[in-house]
């Protein structure tokens, strides 16, 4: 039986990568607060309808690469419904209320958390300009920590 040791990586290499990840992230509790989890549109709309809301505007944002191409098989990490943004952190759906809006920026806040959506590009407008696809920078701030996500929203609008 021959064992080729040259093709095996030493044990310390993966351990070093894990250590670098932990150090780059800071305290693990702080990272968890910024880590967005997938949220389904159904989760968001059900929560919205519990408060008596009737949806008019909607946009589900999925994680994207550096060129704003949706990551394959990605689930939404944020859902906008009217003036409310839904995200999920630590297994809990967070509901943030709109605090500011301009032509390219929408800000949301709740419970010490702020999220800013900056529209980078709109394209593929519907026939009557009721909806469009868009590239969006999502910035989340919690307890002095900031995380930036590049996202893609398909058919955002009415």
C-alpha atoms as a PDB file:
ATOM      1  CA  UNK A   1       0.000   0.000   0.000  1.00  0.00           C
ATOM      2  CA  UNK A   2       1.496   3.312  -1.113  1.00  0.00           C
ATOM      3  CA  UNK A   3       0.519   6.576   0.515  1.00  0.00           C
ATOM      4  CA  UNK A   4       1.386   9.741  -1.316  1.00  0.00           C
ATOM      5  CA  UNK A   5       2.125  12.294   1.394  1.00  0.00           C
ATOM      6  CA  UNK A   6       2.951  15.046  -1.099  1.00  0.00           C
ATOM      7  CA  UNK A   7      -0.686  15.450  -2.109  1.00  0.00           C
ATOM      8  CA  UNK A   8      -1.943  15.708   1.475  1.00  0.00           C
ATOM      9  CA  UNK A   9      -2.159  19.092   3.097  1.00  0.00           C
ATOM     10  CA  UNK A  10      -0.760  19.450   6.573  1.00  0.00           C
ATOM     11  CA  UNK A  11      -3.320  19.702   9.378  1.00  0.00           C
ATOM     12  CA  UNK A  12      -2.260  23.197  10.382  1.00  0.00           C
ATOM     13  CA  UNK A  13      -3.330  24.689   7.015  1.00  0.00           C
ATOM     14  CA  UNK A  14      -7.127  24.301   7.574  1.00  0.00           C
ATOM     15  CA  UNK A  15      -6.693  25.319  11.213  1.00  0.00           C
ATOM     16  CA  UNK A  16      -4.927  28.492  10.075  1.00  0.00           C
ATOM     17  CA  UNK A  17      -7.800  29.306   7.696  1.00  0.00           C
ATOM     18  CA  UNK A  18     -10.344  28.874  10.474  1.00  0.00           C
ATOM     19  CA  UNK A  19      -8.289  31.054  12.812  1.00  0.00           C
ATOM     20  CA  UNK A  20      -8.017  33.785  10.158  1.00  0.00           C
ATOM     21  CA  UNK A  21     -11.777  33.663   9.606  1.00  0.00           C
ATOM     22  CA  UNK A  22     -12.472  34.030  13.330  1.00  0.00           C
ATOM     23  CA  UNK A  23      -9.966  36.866  13.686  1.00  0.00           C
ATOM     24  CA  UNK A  24     -11.263  38.712  10.627  1.00  0.00           C
ATOM     25  CA  UNK A  25     -14.781  38.403  11.940  1.00  0.00           C
ATOM     26  CA  UNK A  26     -14.029  39.616  15.464  1.00  0.00           C
ATOM     27  CA  UNK A  27     -16.127  38.164  18.246  1.00  0.00           C
ATOM     28  CA  UNK A  28     -18.393  35.431  16.958  1.00  0.00           C
ATOM     29  CA  UNK A  29     -21.444  36.968  18.600  1.00  0.00           C
ATOM     30  CA  UNK A  30     -20.814  40.189  16.691  1.00  0.00           C
ATOM     31  CA  UNK A  31     -20.576  38.314  13.404  1.00  0.00           C
ATOM     32  CA  UNK A  32     -23.802  36.445  14.002  1.00  0.00           C
ATOM     33  CA  UNK A  33     -25.625  39.746  14.412  1.00  0.00           C
ATOM     34  CA  UNK A  34     -24.589  40.787  10.896  1.00  0.00           C
ATOM     35  CA  UNK A  35     -24.955  37.434   9.169  1.00  0.00           C
ATOM     36  CA  UNK A  36     -28.073  37.568   7.019  1.00  0.00           C
ATOM     37  CA  UNK A  37     -29.868  34.267   6.573  1.00  0.00           C
ATOM     38  CA  UNK A  38     -32.164  33.309   3.698  1.00  0.00           C
ATOM     39  CA  UNK A  39     -35.729  34.557   4.092  1.00  0.00           C
ATOM     40  CA  UNK A  40     -38.543  33.442   1.822  1.00  0.00           C
ATOM     41  CA  UNK A  41     -40.971  35.862   0.273  1.00  0.00           C
ATOM     42  CA  UNK A  42     -43.766  33.877   1.941  1.00  0.00           C
ATOM     43  CA  UNK A  43     -42.220  34.410   5.394  1.00  0.00           C
ATOM     44  CA  UNK A  44     -42.049  38.150   4.793  1.00  0.00           C
ATOM     45  CA  UNK A  45     -45.519  38.564   3.298  1.00  0.00           C
ATOM     46  CA  UNK A  46     -47.130  36.458   6.041  1.00  0.00           C
ATOM     47  CA  UNK A  47     -45.495  38.644   8.682  1.00  0.00           C
ATOM     48  CA  UNK A  48     -46.579  41.775   6.799  1.00  0.00           C
ATOM     49  CA  UNK A  49     -50.181  40.597   6.496  1.00  0.00           C
ATOM     50  CA  UNK A  50     -50.314  39.807  10.239  1.00  0.00           C
ATOM     51  CA  UNK A  51     -50.241  43.568  10.819  1.00  0.00           C
ATOM     52  CA  UNK A  52     -53.077  44.126   8.347  1.00  0.00           C
ATOM     53  CA  UNK A  53     -50.871  45.275   5.496  1.00  0.00           C
ATOM     54  CA  UNK A  54     -51.894  44.825   1.881  1.00  0.00           C
ATOM     55  CA  UNK A  55     -48.814  44.643  -0.290  1.00  0.00           C
ATOM     56  CA  UNK A  56     -48.386  47.054  -3.173  1.00  0.00           C
ATOM     57  CA  UNK A  57     -44.639  47.301  -3.719  1.00  0.00           C
ATOM     58  CA  UNK A  58     -42.329  44.313  -3.304  1.00  0.00           C
ATOM     59  CA  UNK A  59     -38.728  43.367  -3.998  1.00  0.00           C
ATOM     60  CA  UNK A  60     -36.833  40.234  -2.973  1.00  0.00           C
ATOM     61  CA  UNK A  61     -33.065  40.777  -2.903  1.00  0.00           C
ATOM     62  CA  UNK A  62     -30.687  37.839  -3.384  1.00  0.00           C
ATOM     63  CA  UNK A  63     -26.944  37.793  -2.738  1.00  0.00           C
ATOM     64  CA  UNK A  64     -24.896  38.611  -5.831  1.00  0.00           C
ATOM     65  CA  UNK A  65     -21.279  38.492  -6.963  1.00  0.00           C
ATOM     66  CA  UNK A  66     -19.084  41.551  -7.583  1.00  0.00           C
ATOM     67  CA  UNK A  67     -20.806  42.158 -10.945  1.00  0.00           C
ATOM     68  CA  UNK A  68     -24.261  41.946  -9.295  1.00  0.00           C
ATOM     69  CA  UNK A  69     -25.085  38.609 -10.889  1.00  0.00           C
ATOM     70  CA  UNK A  70     -27.350  36.616  -8.593  1.00  0.00           C
ATOM     71  CA  UNK A  71     -25.498  33.744  -6.970  1.00  0.00           C
ATOM     72  CA  UNK A  72     -26.792  30.479  -8.387  1.00  0.00           C
ATOM     73  CA  UNK A  73     -29.649  28.961  -6.352  1.00  0.00           C
ATOM     74  CA  UNK A  74     -29.469  31.851  -3.872  1.00  0.00           C
ATOM     75  CA  UNK A  75     -32.512  32.524  -1.711  1.00  0.00           C
ATOM     76  CA  UNK A  76     -33.500  36.098  -0.816  1.00  0.00           C
ATOM     77  CA  UNK A  77     -31.611  37.670   2.085  1.00  0.00           C
ATOM     78  CA  UNK A  78     -33.938  40.691   2.264  1.00  0.00           C
ATOM     79  CA  UNK A  79     -37.522  41.354   1.196  1.00  0.00           C
ATOM     80  CA  UNK A  80     -38.996  44.844   0.797  1.00  0.00           C
ATOM     81  CA  UNK A  81     -42.765  45.157   1.056  1.00  0.00           C
ATOM     82  CA  UNK A  82     -44.078  48.719   0.841  1.00  0.00           C
ATOM     83  CA  UNK A  83     -42.267  50.686   3.609  1.00  0.00           C
ATOM     84  CA  UNK A  84     -41.026  47.611   5.495  1.00  0.00           C
ATOM     85  CA  UNK A  85     -37.836  45.575   5.065  1.00  0.00           C
ATOM     86  CA  UNK A  86     -37.692  41.983   6.292  1.00  0.00           C
ATOM     87  CA  UNK A  87     -34.403  40.237   7.008  1.00  0.00           C
ATOM     88  CA  UNK A  88     -33.530  37.168   9.060  1.00  0.00           C
ATOM     89  CA  UNK A  89     -30.704  37.019  11.592  1.00  0.00           C
ATOM     90  CA  UNK A  90     -30.020  34.265  14.117  1.00  0.00           C
ATOM     91  CA  UNK A  91     -33.165  32.446  12.954  1.00  0.00           C
ATOM     92  CA  UNK A  92     -35.448  35.406  13.710  1.00  0.00           C
ATOM     93  CA  UNK A  93     -37.307  37.509  11.147  1.00  0.00           C
ATOM     94  CA  UNK A  94     -36.539  41.195  11.725  1.00  0.00           C
ATOM     95  CA  UNK A  95     -39.005  43.859  10.586  1.00  0.00           C
ATOM     96  CA  UNK A  96     -37.422  47.252   9.893  1.00  0.00           C
ATOM     97  CA  UNK A  97     -39.448  50.395   9.185  1.00  0.00           C
ATOM     98  CA  UNK A  98     -38.503  52.846   6.441  1.00  0.00           C
ATOM     99  CA  UNK A  99     -36.848  55.985   7.831  1.00  0.00           C
ATOM    100  CA  UNK A 100     -35.698  57.762   4.666  1.00  0.00           C
ATOM    101  CA  UNK A 101     -36.107  57.457   0.920  1.00  0.00           C
ATOM    102  CA  UNK A 102     -34.590  59.199  -2.092  1.00  0.00           C
ATOM    103  CA  UNK A 103     -34.446  58.247  -5.741  1.00  0.00           C
ATOM    104  CA  UNK A 104     -31.507  55.873  -5.189  1.00  0.00           C
ATOM    105  CA  UNK A 105     -31.389  55.240  -1.423  1.00  0.00           C
ATOM    106  CA  UNK A 106     -33.816  53.724   1.073  1.00  0.00           C
ATOM    107  CA  UNK A 107     -33.018  53.506   4.785  1.00  0.00           C
ATOM    108  CA  UNK A 108     -34.663  51.234   7.352  1.00  0.00           C
ATOM    109  CA  UNK A 109     -34.231  50.914  11.119  1.00  0.00           C
ATOM    110  CA  UNK A 110     -35.436  48.945  14.149  1.00  0.00           C
ATOM    111  CA  UNK A 111     -34.034  47.891  17.532  1.00  0.00           C
ATOM    112  CA  UNK A 112     -30.534  49.350  17.118  1.00  0.00           C
ATOM    113  CA  UNK A 113     -30.169  47.967  13.595  1.00  0.00           C
ATOM    114  CA  UNK A 114     -30.053  50.066  10.427  1.00  0.00           C
ATOM    115  CA  UNK A 115     -30.119  48.872   6.837  1.00  0.00           C
ATOM    116  CA  UNK A 116     -29.458  51.090   3.846  1.00  0.00           C
ATOM    117  CA  UNK A 117     -30.318  50.010   0.306  1.00  0.00           C
ATOM    118  CA  UNK A 118     -28.502  51.940  -2.410  1.00  0.00           C
ATOM    119  CA  UNK A 119     -29.721  51.310  -5.932  1.00  0.00           C
ATOM    120  CA  UNK A 120     -26.722  51.007  -8.228  1.00  0.00           C
ATOM    121  CA  UNK A 121     -28.612  50.272 -11.463  1.00  0.00           C
ATOM    122  CA  UNK A 122     -32.169  49.695 -12.727  1.00  0.00           C
ATOM    123  CA  UNK A 123     -32.864  47.810 -15.956  1.00  0.00           C
ATOM    124  CA  UNK A 124     -35.360  45.486 -17.691  1.00  0.00           C
ATOM    125  CA  UNK A 125     -38.277  47.813 -17.038  1.00  0.00           C
ATOM    126  CA  UNK A 126     -41.738  46.343 -17.515  1.00  0.00           C
ATOM    127  CA  UNK A 127     -43.915  47.634 -20.343  1.00  0.00           C
ATOM    128  CA  UNK A 128     -45.580  50.278 -18.168  1.00  0.00           C
ATOM    129  CA  UNK A 129     -42.564  50.862 -15.879  1.00  0.00           C
ATOM    130  CA  UNK A 130     -44.363  49.190 -12.983  1.00  0.00           C
ATOM    131  CA  UNK A 131     -41.392  46.978 -12.165  1.00  0.00           C
ATOM    132  CA  UNK A 132     -37.724  46.523 -12.970  1.00  0.00           C
ATOM    133  CA  UNK A 133     -34.651  44.481 -12.171  1.00  0.00           C
ATOM    134  CA  UNK A 134     -32.049  46.202 -10.025  1.00  0.00           C
ATOM    135  CA  UNK A 135     -28.573  45.964  -8.570  1.00  0.00           C
ATOM    136  CA  UNK A 136     -28.502  47.082  -4.939  1.00  0.00           C
ATOM    137  CA  UNK A 137     -25.850  47.556  -2.266  1.00  0.00           C
ATOM    138  CA  UNK A 138     -27.279  46.477   1.098  1.00  0.00           C
ATOM    139  CA  UNK A 139     -25.448  47.896   4.118  1.00  0.00           C
ATOM    140  CA  UNK A 140     -26.393  46.604   7.567  1.00  0.00           C
ATOM    141  CA  UNK A 141     -25.141  48.225  10.771  1.00  0.00           C
ATOM    142  CA  UNK A 142     -25.533  46.686  14.225  1.00  0.00           C
ATOM    143  CA  UNK A 143     -23.684  47.687  17.404  1.00  0.00           C
ATOM    144  CA  UNK A 144     -21.006  49.610  15.506  1.00  0.00           C
ATOM    145  CA  UNK A 145     -20.333  46.756  13.077  1.00  0.00           C
ATOM    146  CA  UNK A 146     -21.025  47.116   9.362  1.00  0.00           C
ATOM    147  CA  UNK A 147     -21.495  44.492   6.666  1.00  0.00           C
ATOM    148  CA  UNK A 148     -22.017  45.205   2.960  1.00  0.00           C
ATOM    149  CA  UNK A 149     -23.813  42.845   0.580  1.00  0.00           C
ATOM    150  CA  UNK A 150     -24.100  43.163  -3.188  1.00  0.00           C
ATOM    151  CA  UNK A 151     -27.607  42.058  -4.146  1.00  0.00           C
ATOM    152  CA  UNK A 152     -29.843  41.597  -7.160  1.00  0.00           C
ATOM    153  CA  UNK A 153     -33.595  42.172  -7.215  1.00  0.00           C
ATOM    154  CA  UNK A 154     -35.734  40.761 -10.044  1.00  0.00           C
ATOM    155  CA  UNK A 155     -39.097  42.272 -11.010  1.00  0.00           C
ATOM    156  CA  UNK A 156     -39.128  44.791  -8.170  1.00  0.00           C
ATOM    157  CA  UNK A 157     -42.271  46.901  -8.146  1.00  0.00           C
ATOM    158  CA  UNK A 158     -46.015  46.463  -8.262  1.00  0.00           C
END
